[in-house]
Each structure stands twice: as structure tokens, then as C-alpha cells.
Amino acid sequence: MTRSDLVELLAARFGQLAHRDAEFAVKTILDAMGDALVRGHRIEIRGFGSFSINRRPPRMGRNPRSGESVAIPEKRVPHFKPGKALREAVDRRTAELEAAGKD
């Protein structure tokens, strides 16, 4: 699902919400989540999962073309951990789809 798919789904599900308003709502939520992660905050959405920042320590890598060693600096990267309800729903739904496909 893309951002535009999410906007379309919101606009279709909530008739009183104009397409422009749905687009603004999605943009606002995603911007707020991004800003929170940039500030180092953790985001938790009960039943869905949590977003946090993981630290990748500096390491030595290798240039694939020349084979020479390259120092790779420390990085902070976003990380998503699905919640229990989401994991169980995905597992249940994929099992149902697989069972339906085998019939």
C-alpha cells in the first residue's frame, strides 16, 4: 500500500472527508511520526506496533569494485517492531489464504 492508496482508502471510507482533507491528514500523521523519530522519541501504536531508532555501530566495509577497505560511520536507522495483535492477524490471514488456495 502506498501513501496515495491510503489517502484513497480514507476518502472512500469516510464520505464526509474530502480527498484533499484525507491527503492532509495522512501527510500530517506521517510528518509527526517522522519528526518524533528524528528527535529520538519512540512511537507506539497499541495493537499495531512500535517505531524506534536503532544505532548501527561504525564498521569496516569493502568496496566491491576495488576490494579496498572502507570505514563506514555510525548510523541511526528507523526500526519497526509489529505488535502482537498485528503479528497474529497477519499469521491468521495468510494461513486462511494459503488454505483457500489449496482447495
PDB file of N, CA and C in Angstrom:
ATOM      1  N   MET A   1       0.847  -1.172   0.000  1.00  0.00           N
ATOM      2  CA  MET A   1       0.000   0.000   0.000  1.00  0.00           C
ATOM      3  C   MET A   1       0.892   1.234   0.000  1.00  0.00           C
ATOM      4  N   THR A   2       0.579   2.152  -0.872  1.00  0.00           N
ATOM      5  CA  THR A   2       1.334   3.396  -0.957  1.00  0.00           C
ATOM      6  C   THR A   2       0.592   4.501  -0.202  1.00  0.00           C
ATOM      7  N   ARG A   3       1.252   5.643  -0.094  1.00  0.00           N
ATOM      8  CA  ARG A   3       0.626   6.795   0.570  1.00  0.00           C
ATOM      9  C   ARG A   3      -0.654   7.182  -0.165  1.00  0.00           C
ATOM     10  N   SER A   4      -0.622   7.212  -1.487  1.00  0.00           N
ATOM     11  CA  SER A   4      -1.821   7.591  -2.246  1.00  0.00           C
ATOM     12  C   SER A   4      -2.931   6.549  -2.086  1.00  0.00           C
ATOM     13  N   ASP A   5      -2.576   5.269  -1.948  1.00  0.00           N
ATOM     14  CA  ASP A   5      -3.586   4.235  -1.685  1.00  0.00           C
ATOM     15  C   ASP A   5      -4.261   4.493  -0.344  1.00  0.00           C
ATOM     16  N   LEU A   6      -3.472   4.872   0.658  1.00  0.00           N
ATOM     17  CA  LEU A   6      -4.010   5.167   1.979  1.00  0.00           C
ATOM     18  C   LEU A   6      -4.947   6.366   1.931  1.00  0.00           C
ATOM     19  N   VAL A   7      -4.573   7.386   1.192  1.00  0.00           N
ATOM     20  CA  VAL A   7      -5.432   8.570   1.034  1.00  0.00           C
ATOM     21  C   VAL A   7      -6.742   8.174   0.373  1.00  0.00           C
ATOM     22  N   GLU A   8      -6.683   7.381  -0.682  1.00  0.00           N
ATOM     23  CA  GLU A   8      -7.889   6.932  -1.386  1.00  0.00           C
ATOM     24  C   GLU A   8      -8.791   6.122  -0.461  1.00  0.00           C
ATOM     25  N   LEU A   9      -8.204   5.243   0.337  1.00  0.00           N
ATOM     26  CA  LEU A   9      -8.972   4.413   1.260  1.00  0.00           C
ATOM     27  C   LEU A   9      -9.678   5.265   2.310  1.00  0.00           C
ATOM     28  N   LEU A  10      -8.969   6.245   2.870  1.00  0.00           N
ATOM     29  CA  LEU A  10      -9.577   7.136   3.857  1.00  0.00           C
ATOM     30  C   LEU A  10     -10.717   7.949   3.253  1.00  0.00           C
ATOM     31  N   ALA A  11     -10.491   8.502   2.082  1.00  0.00           N
ATOM     32  CA  ALA A  11     -11.522   9.308   1.423  1.00  0.00           C
ATOM     33  C   ALA A  11     -12.751   8.465   1.092  1.00  0.00           C
ATOM     34  N   ALA A  12     -12.544   7.211   0.699  1.00  0.00           N
ATOM     35  CA  ALA A  12     -13.665   6.334   0.359  1.00  0.00           C
ATOM     36  C   ALA A  12     -14.411   5.876   1.617  1.00  0.00           C
ATOM     37  N   ARG A  13     -13.675   5.579   2.685  1.00  0.00           N
ATOM     38  CA  ARG A  13     -14.293   5.063   3.907  1.00  0.00           C
ATOM     39  C   ARG A  13     -15.071   6.152   4.654  1.00  0.00           C
ATOM     40  N   PHE A  14     -14.571   7.378   4.619  1.00  0.00           N
ATOM     41  CA  PHE A  14     -15.232   8.477   5.312  1.00  0.00           C
ATOM     42  C   PHE A  14     -15.744   9.468   4.280  1.00  0.00           C
ATOM     43  N   GLY A  15     -17.000   9.337   3.926  1.00  0.00           N
ATOM     44  CA  GLY A  15     -17.609  10.156   2.875  1.00  0.00           C
ATOM     45  C   GLY A  15     -17.555  11.644   3.152  1.00  0.00           C
ATOM     46  N   GLN A  16     -17.609  12.040   4.432  1.00  0.00           N
ATOM     47  CA  GLN A  16     -17.574  13.459   4.771  1.00  0.00           C
ATOM     48  C   GLN A  16     -16.178  14.044   4.629  1.00  0.00           C
ATOM     49  N   LEU A  17     -15.182  13.212   4.398  1.00  0.00           N
ATOM     50  CA  LEU A  17     -13.796  13.658   4.289  1.00  0.00           C
ATOM     51  C   LEU A  17     -13.445  13.824   2.810  1.00  0.00           C
ATOM     52  N   ALA A  18     -13.152  15.040   2.420  1.00  0.00           N
ATOM     53  CA  ALA A  18     -12.763  15.306   1.034  1.00  0.00           C
ATOM     54  C   ALA A  18     -11.389  14.687   0.767  1.00  0.00           C
ATOM     55  N   HIS A  19     -11.126  14.399  -0.494  1.00  0.00           N
ATOM     56  CA  HIS A  19      -9.843  13.803  -0.876  1.00  0.00           C
ATOM     57  C   HIS A  19      -8.684  14.670  -0.399  1.00  0.00           C
ATOM     58  N   ARG A  20      -8.817  15.967  -0.548  1.00  0.00           N
ATOM     59  CA  ARG A  20      -7.773  16.913  -0.127  1.00  0.00           C
ATOM     60  C   ARG A  20      -7.545  16.838   1.382  1.00  0.00           C
ATOM     61  N   ASP A  21      -8.645  16.705   2.147  1.00  0.00           N
ATOM     62  CA  ASP A  21      -8.543  16.611   3.602  1.00  0.00           C
ATOM     63  C   ASP A  21      -7.898  15.286   4.032  1.00  0.00           C
ATOM     64  N   ALA A  22      -8.243  14.208   3.340  1.00  0.00           N
ATOM     65  CA  ALA A  22      -7.635  12.912   3.642  1.00  0.00           C
ATOM     66  C   ALA A  22      -6.141  12.955   3.362  1.00  0.00           C
ATOM     67  N   GLU A  23      -5.767  13.595   2.274  1.00  0.00           N
ATOM     68  CA  GLU A  23      -4.356  13.738   1.926  1.00  0.00           C
ATOM     69  C   GLU A  23      -3.611  14.551   2.994  1.00  0.00           C
ATOM     70  N   PHE A  24      -4.245  15.623   3.467  1.00  0.00           N
ATOM     71  CA  PHE A  24      -3.643  16.455   4.515  1.00  0.00           C
ATOM     72  C   PHE A  24      -3.499  15.670   5.820  1.00  0.00           C
ATOM     73  N   ALA A  25      -4.510  14.863   6.168  1.00  0.00           N
ATOM     74  CA  ALA A  25      -4.465  14.067   7.396  1.00  0.00           C
ATOM     75  C   ALA A  25      -3.328  13.050   7.353  1.00  0.00           C
ATOM     76  N   VAL A  26      -3.192  12.349   6.239  1.00  0.00           N
ATOM     77  CA  VAL A  26      -2.119  11.352   6.100  1.00  0.00           C
ATOM     78  C   VAL A  26      -0.758  12.036   6.167  1.00  0.00           C
ATOM     79  N   LYS A  27      -0.607  13.154   5.464  1.00  0.00           N
ATOM     80  CA  LYS A  27       0.664  13.883   5.480  1.00  0.00           C
ATOM     81  C   LYS A  27       1.004  14.351   6.888  1.00  0.00           C
ATOM     82  N   THR A  28       0.022  14.876   7.602  1.00  0.00           N
ATOM     83  CA  THR A  28       0.243  15.371   8.960  1.00  0.00           C
ATOM     84  C   THR A  28       0.684  14.253   9.898  1.00  0.00           C
ATOM     85  N   ILE A  29       0.029  13.117   9.821  1.00  0.00           N
ATOM     86  CA  ILE A  29       0.379  11.989  10.696  1.00  0.00           C
ATOM     87  C   ILE A  29       1.784  11.488  10.386  1.00  0.00           C
ATOM     88  N   LEU A  30       2.093  11.295   9.117  1.00  0.00           N
ATOM     89  CA  LEU A  30       3.417  10.785   8.750  1.00  0.00           C
ATOM     90  C   LEU A  30       4.523  11.788   9.093  1.00  0.00           C
ATOM     91  N   ASP A  31       4.249  13.082   8.908  1.00  0.00           N
ATOM     92  CA  ASP A  31       5.231  14.105   9.283  1.00  0.00           C
ATOM     93  C   ASP A  31       5.476  14.108  10.787  1.00  0.00           C
ATOM     94  N   ALA A  32       4.398  13.981  11.561  1.00  0.00           N
ATOM     95  CA  ALA A  32       4.534  13.961  13.022  1.00  0.00           C
ATOM     96  C   ALA A  32       5.335  12.737  13.475  1.00  0.00           C
ATOM     97  N   MET A  33       5.104  11.601  12.843  1.00  0.00           N
ATOM     98  CA  MET A  33       5.857  10.390  13.187  1.00  0.00           C
ATOM     99  C   MET A  33       7.330  10.559  12.830  1.00  0.00           C
ATOM    100  N   GLY A  34       7.598  11.107  11.662  1.00  0.00           N
ATOM    101  CA  GLY A  34       8.978  11.336  11.241  1.00  0.00           C
ATOM    102  C   GLY A  34       9.696  12.302  12.172  1.00  0.00           C
ATOM    103  N   ASP A  35       9.019  13.391  12.547  1.00  0.00           N
ATOM    104  CA  ASP A  35       9.620  14.370  13.462  1.00  0.00           C
ATOM    105  C   ASP A  35       9.929  13.745  14.817  1.00  0.00           C
ATOM    106  N   ALA A  36       9.019  12.909  15.315  1.00  0.00           N
ATOM    107  CA  ALA A  36       9.238  12.254  16.608  1.00  0.00           C
ATOM    108  C   ALA A  36      10.463  11.340  16.542  1.00  0.00           C
ATOM    109  N   LEU A  37      10.610  10.596  15.460  1.00  0.00           N
ATOM    110  CA  LEU A  37      11.766   9.709  15.322  1.00  0.00           C
ATOM    111  C   LEU A  37      13.058  10.501  15.199  1.00  0.00           C
ATOM    112  N   VAL A  38      13.025  11.626  14.480  1.00  0.00           N
ATOM    113  CA  VAL A  38      14.211  12.467  14.337  1.00  0.00           C
ATOM    114  C   VAL A  38      14.660  12.984  15.704  1.00  0.00           C
ATOM    115  N   ARG A  39      13.690  13.313  16.565  1.00  0.00           N
ATOM    116  CA  ARG A  39      14.012  13.797  17.904  1.00  0.00           C
ATOM    117  C   ARG A  39      14.441  12.671  18.840  1.00  0.00           C
ATOM    118  N   GLY A  40      14.396  11.413  18.362  1.00  0.00           N
ATOM    119  CA  GLY A  40      14.831  10.283  19.177  1.00  0.00           C
ATOM    120  C   GLY A  40      13.732   9.655  20.012  1.00  0.00           C
ATOM    121  N   HIS A  41      12.482  10.053  19.767  1.00  0.00           N
ATOM    122  CA  HIS A  41      11.362   9.506  20.520  1.00  0.00           C
ATOM    123  C   HIS A  41      10.939   8.157  19.935  1.00  0.00           C
ATOM    124  N   ARG A  42      10.275   7.374  20.754  1.00  0.00           N
ATOM    125  CA  ARG A  42       9.722   6.088  20.342  1.00  0.00           C
ATOM    126  C   ARG A  42       8.235   6.289  20.085  1.00  0.00           C
ATOM    127  N   ILE A  43       7.699   5.664  19.054  1.00  0.00           N
ATOM    128  CA  ILE A  43       6.275   5.769  18.725  1.00  0.00           C
ATOM    129  C   ILE A  43       5.660   4.400  18.950  1.00  0.00           C
ATOM    130  N   GLU A  44       4.598   4.351  19.738  1.00  0.00           N
ATOM    131  CA  GLU A  44       3.912   3.083  19.989  1.00  0.00           C
ATOM    132  C   GLU A  44       2.443   3.240  19.645  1.00  0.00           C
ATOM    133  N   ILE A  45       1.965   2.377  18.763  1.00  0.00           N
ATOM    134  CA  ILE A  45       0.556   2.352  18.387  1.00  0.00           C
ATOM    135  C   ILE A  45       0.023   1.001  18.830  1.00  0.00           C
ATOM    136  N   ARG A  46      -0.739   1.004  19.911  1.00  0.00           N
ATOM    137  CA  ARG A  46      -1.233  -0.243  20.508  1.00  0.00           C
ATOM    138  C   ARG A  46      -1.968  -1.085  19.470  1.00  0.00           C
ATOM    139  N   GLY A  47      -1.665  -2.377  19.458  1.00  0.00           N
ATOM    140  CA  GLY A  47      -2.299  -3.298  18.530  1.00  0.00           C
ATOM    141  C   GLY A  47      -1.664  -3.302  17.148  1.00  0.00           C
ATOM    142  N   PHE A  48      -0.816  -2.324  16.865  1.00  0.00           N
ATOM    143  CA  PHE A  48      -0.171  -2.248  15.550  1.00  0.00           C
ATOM    144  C   PHE A  48       1.317  -2.515  15.670  1.00  0.00           C
ATOM    145  N   GLY A  49       2.015  -1.705  16.473  1.00  0.00           N
ATOM    146  CA  GLY A  49       3.452  -1.909  16.639  1.00  0.00           C
ATOM    147  C   GLY A  49       4.132  -0.658  17.128  1.00  0.00           C
ATOM    148  N   SER A  50       5.446  -0.702  17.146  1.00  0.00           N
ATOM    149  CA  SER A  50       6.209   0.450  17.623  1.00  0.00           C
ATOM    150  C   SER A  50       7.341   0.769  16.660  1.00  0.00           C
ATOM    151  N   PHE A  51       7.635   2.040  16.575  1.00  0.00           N
ATOM    152  CA  PHE A  51       8.735   2.538  15.759  1.00  0.00           C
ATOM    153  C   PHE A  51       9.778   3.102  16.712  1.00  0.00           C
ATOM    154  N   SER A  52      11.023   2.801  16.455  1.00  0.00           N
ATOM    155  CA  SER A  52      12.100   3.336  17.284  1.00  0.00           C
ATOM    156  C   SER A  52      13.324   3.542  16.399  1.00  0.00           C
ATOM    157  N   ILE A  53      14.374   4.061  17.018  1.00  0.00           N
ATOM    158  CA  ILE A  53      15.628   4.283  16.301  1.00  0.00           C
ATOM    159  C   ILE A  53      16.655   3.278  16.806  1.00  0.00           C
ATOM    160  N   ASN A  54      17.282   2.566  15.894  1.00  0.00           N
ATOM    161  CA  ASN A  54      18.367   1.647  16.234  1.00  0.00           C
ATOM    162  C   ASN A  54      19.697   2.266  15.823  1.00  0.00           C
ATOM    163  N   ARG A  55      20.715   2.008  16.603  1.00  0.00           N
ATOM    164  CA  ARG A  55      22.058   2.504  16.308  1.00  0.00           C
ATOM    165  C   ARG A  55      22.853   1.404  15.624  1.00  0.00           C
ATOM    166  N   ARG A  56      23.437   1.735  14.500  1.00  0.00           N
ATOM    167  CA  ARG A  56      24.352   0.807  13.814  1.00  0.00           C
ATOM    168  C   ARG A  56      25.764   1.305  14.088  1.00  0.00           C
ATOM    169  N   PRO A  57      26.574   0.520  14.773  1.00  0.00           N
ATOM    170  CA  PRO A  57      27.925   0.980  15.120  1.00  0.00           C
ATOM    171  C   PRO A  57      28.800   1.139  13.875  1.00  0.00           C
ATOM    172  N   PRO A  58      29.868   1.913  13.989  1.00  0.00           N
ATOM    173  CA  PRO A  58      30.790   2.041  12.849  1.00  0.00           C
ATOM    174  C   PRO A  58      31.451   0.688  12.566  1.00  0.00           C
ATOM    175  N   ARG A  59      31.795   0.470  11.321  1.00  0.00           N
ATOM    176  CA  ARG A  59      32.410  -0.809  10.950  1.00  0.00           C
ATOM    177  C   ARG A  59      33.273  -0.623   9.715  1.00  0.00           C
ATOM    178  N   MET A  60      34.015  -1.640   9.417  1.00  0.00           N
ATOM    179  CA  MET A  60      34.825  -1.635   8.200  1.00  0.00           C
ATOM    180  C   MET A  60      34.082  -2.420   7.125  1.00  0.00           C
ATOM    181  N   GLY A  61      33.935  -1.803   5.975  1.00  0.00           N
ATOM    182  CA  GLY A  61      33.304  -2.465   4.837  1.00  0.00           C
ATOM    183  C   GLY A  61      34.318  -2.633   3.725  1.00  0.00           C
ATOM    184  N   ARG A  62      33.847  -3.132   2.601  1.00  0.00           N
ATOM    185  CA  ARG A  62      34.746  -3.365   1.484  1.00  0.00           C
ATOM    186  C   ARG A  62      34.108  -2.826   0.212  1.00  0.00           C
ATOM    187  N   ASN A  63      34.880  -2.074  -0.549  1.00  0.00           N
ATOM    188  CA  ASN A  63      34.424  -1.581  -1.834  1.00  0.00           C
ATOM    189  C   ASN A  63      34.349  -2.778  -2.783  1.00  0.00           C
ATOM    190  N   PRO A  64      33.161  -3.112  -3.310  1.00  0.00           N
ATOM    191  CA  PRO A  64      33.035  -4.310  -4.150  1.00  0.00           C
ATOM    192  C   PRO A  64      33.815  -4.218  -5.464  1.00  0.00           C
ATOM    193  N   ARG A  65      34.029  -3.013  -5.966  1.00  0.00           N
ATOM    194  CA  ARG A  65      34.726  -2.865  -7.240  1.00  0.00           C
ATOM    195  C   ARG A  65      36.236  -3.030  -7.072  1.00  0.00           C
ATOM    196  N   SER A  66      36.821  -2.325  -6.086  1.00  0.00           N
ATOM    197  CA  SER A  66      38.280  -2.354  -5.944  1.00  0.00           C
ATOM    198  C   SER A  66      38.756  -3.322  -4.867  1.00  0.00           C
ATOM    199  N   GLY A  67      37.863  -3.707  -3.946  1.00  0.00           N
ATOM    200  CA  GLY A  67      38.259  -4.625  -2.883  1.00  0.00           C
ATOM    201  C   GLY A  67      38.926  -3.938  -1.702  1.00  0.00           C
ATOM    202  N   GLU A  68      39.114  -2.614  -1.767  1.00  0.00           N
ATOM    203  CA  GLU A  68      39.789  -1.935  -0.662  1.00  0.00           C
ATOM    204  C   GLU A  68      38.835  -1.720   0.508  1.00  0.00           C
ATOM    205  N   SER A  69      39.387  -1.656   1.732  1.00  0.00           N
ATOM    206  CA  SER A  69      38.599  -1.446   2.945  1.00  0.00           C
ATOM    207  C   SER A  69      38.127  -0.005   3.019  1.00  0.00           C
ATOM    208  N   VAL A  70      36.881   0.147   3.509  1.00  0.00           N
ATOM    209  CA  VAL A  70      36.274   1.458   3.628  1.00  0.00           C
ATOM    210  C   VAL A  70      35.662   1.564   5.021  1.00  0.00           C
ATOM    211  N   ALA A  71      35.917   2.681   5.707  1.00  0.00           N
ATOM    212  CA  ALA A  71      35.320   2.899   7.017  1.00  0.00           C
ATOM    213  C   ALA A  71      33.878   3.377   6.836  1.00  0.00           C
ATOM    214  N   ILE A  72      32.936   2.662   7.449  1.00  0.00           N
ATOM    215  CA  ILE A  72      31.529   3.037   7.387  1.00  0.00           C
ATOM    216  C   ILE A  72      31.174   3.655   8.739  1.00  0.00           C
ATOM    217  N   PRO A  73      30.718   4.913   8.737  1.00  0.00           N
ATOM    218  CA  PRO A  73      30.447   5.594  10.012  1.00  0.00           C
ATOM    219  C   PRO A  73      29.206   5.051  10.715  1.00  0.00           C
ATOM    220  N   GLU A  74      29.060   5.418  11.965  1.00  0.00           N
ATOM    221  CA  GLU A  74      27.877   5.056  12.749  1.00  0.00           C
ATOM    222  C   GLU A  74      26.636   5.650  12.110  1.00  0.00           C
ATOM    223  N   LYS A  75      25.525   4.910  12.192  1.00  0.00           N
ATOM    224  CA  LYS A  75      24.252   5.376  11.642  1.00  0.00           C
ATOM    225  C   LYS A  75      23.146   5.121  12.646  1.00  0.00           C
ATOM    226  N   ARG A  76      22.121   5.915  12.556  1.00  0.00           N
ATOM    227  CA  ARG A  76      20.889   5.670  13.298  1.00  0.00           C
ATOM    228  C   ARG A  76      19.802   5.431  12.252  1.00  0.00           C
ATOM    229  N   VAL A  77      19.123   4.298  12.395  1.00  0.00           N
ATOM    230  CA  VAL A  77      18.128   3.908  11.394  1.00  0.00           C
ATOM    231  C   VAL A  77      16.783   3.615  12.065  1.00  0.00           C
ATOM    232  N   PRO A  78      15.668   3.916  11.379  1.00  0.00           N
ATOM    233  CA  PRO A  78      14.352   3.600  11.931  1.00  0.00           C
ATOM    234  C   PRO A  78      14.144   2.087  11.975  1.00  0.00           C
ATOM    235  N   HIS A  79      13.395   1.646  12.980  1.00  0.00           N
ATOM    236  CA  HIS A  79      13.118   0.229  13.158  1.00  0.00           C
ATOM    237  C   HIS A  79      11.652   0.076  13.533  1.00  0.00           C
ATOM    238  N   PHE A  80      10.967  -0.894  12.929  1.00  0.00           N
ATOM    239  CA  PHE A  80       9.561  -1.175  13.244  1.00  0.00           C
ATOM    240  C   PHE A  80       9.459  -2.549  13.868  1.00  0.00           C
ATOM    241  N   LYS A  81       8.761  -2.634  14.977  1.00  0.00           N
ATOM    242  CA  LYS A  81       8.505  -3.921  15.622  1.00  0.00           C
ATOM    243  C   LYS A  81       6.991  -4.101  15.677  1.00  0.00           C
ATOM    244  N   PRO A  82       6.452  -5.075  14.953  1.00  0.00           N
ATOM    245  CA  PRO A  82       4.997  -5.258  14.952  1.00  0.00           C
ATOM    246  C   PRO A  82       4.490  -5.694  16.323  1.00  0.00           C
ATOM    247  N   GLY A  83       3.272  -5.268  16.660  1.00  0.00           N
ATOM    248  CA  GLY A  83       2.638  -5.661  17.909  1.00  0.00           C
ATOM    249  C   GLY A  83       2.075  -7.069  17.799  1.00  0.00           C
ATOM    250  N   LYS A  84       1.736  -7.633  18.942  1.00  0.00           N
ATOM    251  CA  LYS A  84       1.228  -8.998  18.990  1.00  0.00           C
ATOM    252  C   LYS A  84      -0.043  -9.157  18.157  1.00  0.00           C
ATOM    253  N   ALA A  85      -0.969  -8.211  18.271  1.00  0.00           N
ATOM    254  CA  ALA A  85      -2.229  -8.305  17.530  1.00  0.00           C
ATOM    255  C   ALA A  85      -1.988  -8.295  16.022  1.00  0.00           C
ATOM    256  N   LEU A  86      -1.073  -7.455  15.548  1.00  0.00           N
ATOM    257  CA  LEU A  86      -0.762  -7.398  14.123  1.00  0.00           C
ATOM    258  C   LEU A  86      -0.102  -8.693  13.656  1.00  0.00           C
ATOM    259  N   ARG A  87       0.858  -9.190  14.429  1.00  0.00           N
ATOM    260  CA  ARG A  87       1.522 -10.452  14.061  1.00  0.00           C
ATOM    261  C   ARG A  87       0.516 -11.590  13.951  1.00  0.00           C
ATOM    262  N   GLU A  88      -0.385 -11.691  14.944  1.00  0.00           N
ATOM    263  CA  GLU A  88      -1.381 -12.767  14.936  1.00  0.00           C
ATOM    264  C   GLU A  88      -2.365 -12.612  13.783  1.00  0.00           C
ATOM    265  N   ALA A  89      -2.784 -11.382  13.485  1.00  0.00           N
ATOM    266  CA  ALA A  89      -3.719 -11.149  12.384  1.00  0.00           C
ATOM    267  C   ALA A  89      -3.088 -11.511  11.043  1.00  0.00           C
ATOM    268  N   VAL A  90      -1.837 -11.132  10.848  1.00  0.00           N
ATOM    269  CA  VAL A  90      -1.139 -11.456   9.599  1.00  0.00           C
ATOM    270  C   VAL A  90      -0.975 -12.964   9.468  1.00  0.00           C
ATOM    271  N   ASP A  91      -0.587 -13.612  10.546  1.00  0.00           N
ATOM    272  CA  ASP A  91      -0.398 -15.061  10.519  1.00  0.00           C
ATOM    273  C   ASP A  91      -1.713 -15.770  10.206  1.00  0.00           C
ATOM    274  N   ARG A  92      -2.783 -15.350  10.882  1.00  0.00           N
ATOM    275  CA  ARG A  92      -4.096 -15.975  10.682  1.00  0.00           C
ATOM    276  C   ARG A  92      -4.577 -15.761   9.249  1.00  0.00           C
ATOM    277  N   ARG A  93      -4.454 -14.529   8.743  1.00  0.00           N
ATOM    278  CA  ARG A  93      -4.953 -14.213   7.402  1.00  0.00           C
ATOM    279  C   ARG A  93      -4.154 -14.930   6.310  1.00  0.00           C
ATOM    280  N   THR A  94      -2.838 -14.987   6.464  1.00  0.00           N
ATOM    281  CA  THR A  94      -2.043 -15.681   5.454  1.00  0.00           C
ATOM    282  C   THR A  94      -2.315 -17.179   5.484  1.00  0.00           C
ATOM    283  N   ALA A  95      -2.572 -17.738   6.661  1.00  0.00           N
ATOM    284  CA  ALA A  95      -2.914 -19.167   6.755  1.00  0.00           C
ATOM    285  C   ALA A  95      -4.248 -19.429   6.067  1.00  0.00           C
ATOM    286  N   GLU A  96      -5.213 -18.516   6.250  1.00  0.00           N
ATOM    287  CA  GLU A  96      -6.511 -18.663   5.584  1.00  0.00           C
ATOM    288  C   GLU A  96      -6.368 -18.596   4.064  1.00  0.00           C
ATOM    289  N   LEU A  97      -5.546 -17.647   3.601  1.00  0.00           N
ATOM    290  CA  LEU A  97      -5.341 -17.503   2.152  1.00  0.00           C
ATOM    291  C   LEU A  97      -4.651 -18.728   1.565  1.00  0.00           C
ATOM    292  N   GLU A  98      -3.681 -19.273   2.277  1.00  0.00           N
ATOM    293  CA  GLU A  98      -2.986 -20.469   1.803  1.00  0.00           C
ATOM    294  C   GLU A  98      -3.932 -21.653   1.766  1.00  0.00           C
ATOM    295  N   ALA A  99      -4.784 -21.787   2.782  1.00  0.00           N
ATOM    296  CA  ALA A  99      -5.761 -22.893   2.829  1.00  0.00           C
ATOM    297  C   ALA A  99      -6.769 -22.760   1.698  1.00  0.00           C
ATOM    298  N   ALA A 100      -7.198 -21.542   1.410  1.00  0.00           N
ATOM    299  CA  ALA A 100      -8.167 -21.316   0.335  1.00  0.00           C
ATOM    300  C   ALA A 100      -7.548 -21.615  -1.029  1.00  0.00           C
ATOM    301  N   GLY A 101      -6.251 -21.337  -1.175  1.00  0.00           N
ATOM    302  CA  GLY A 101      -5.559 -21.588  -2.429  1.00  0.00           C
ATOM    303  C   GLY A 101      -5.321 -23.061  -2.705  1.00  0.00           C
ATOM    304  N   LYS A 102      -5.288 -23.871  -1.666  1.00  0.00           N
ATOM    305  CA  LYS A 102      -5.040 -25.314  -1.824  1.00  0.00           C
ATOM    306  C   LYS A 102      -6.303 -26.111  -2.122  1.00  0.00           C
ATOM    307  N   ASP A 103      -7.478 -25.487  -1.904  1.00  0.00           N
ATOM    308  CA  ASP A 103      -8.735 -26.193  -2.149  1.00  0.00           C
ATOM    309  C   ASP A 103      -9.028 -26.359  -3.604  1.00  0.00           C
TER     310      ASP A 103
END
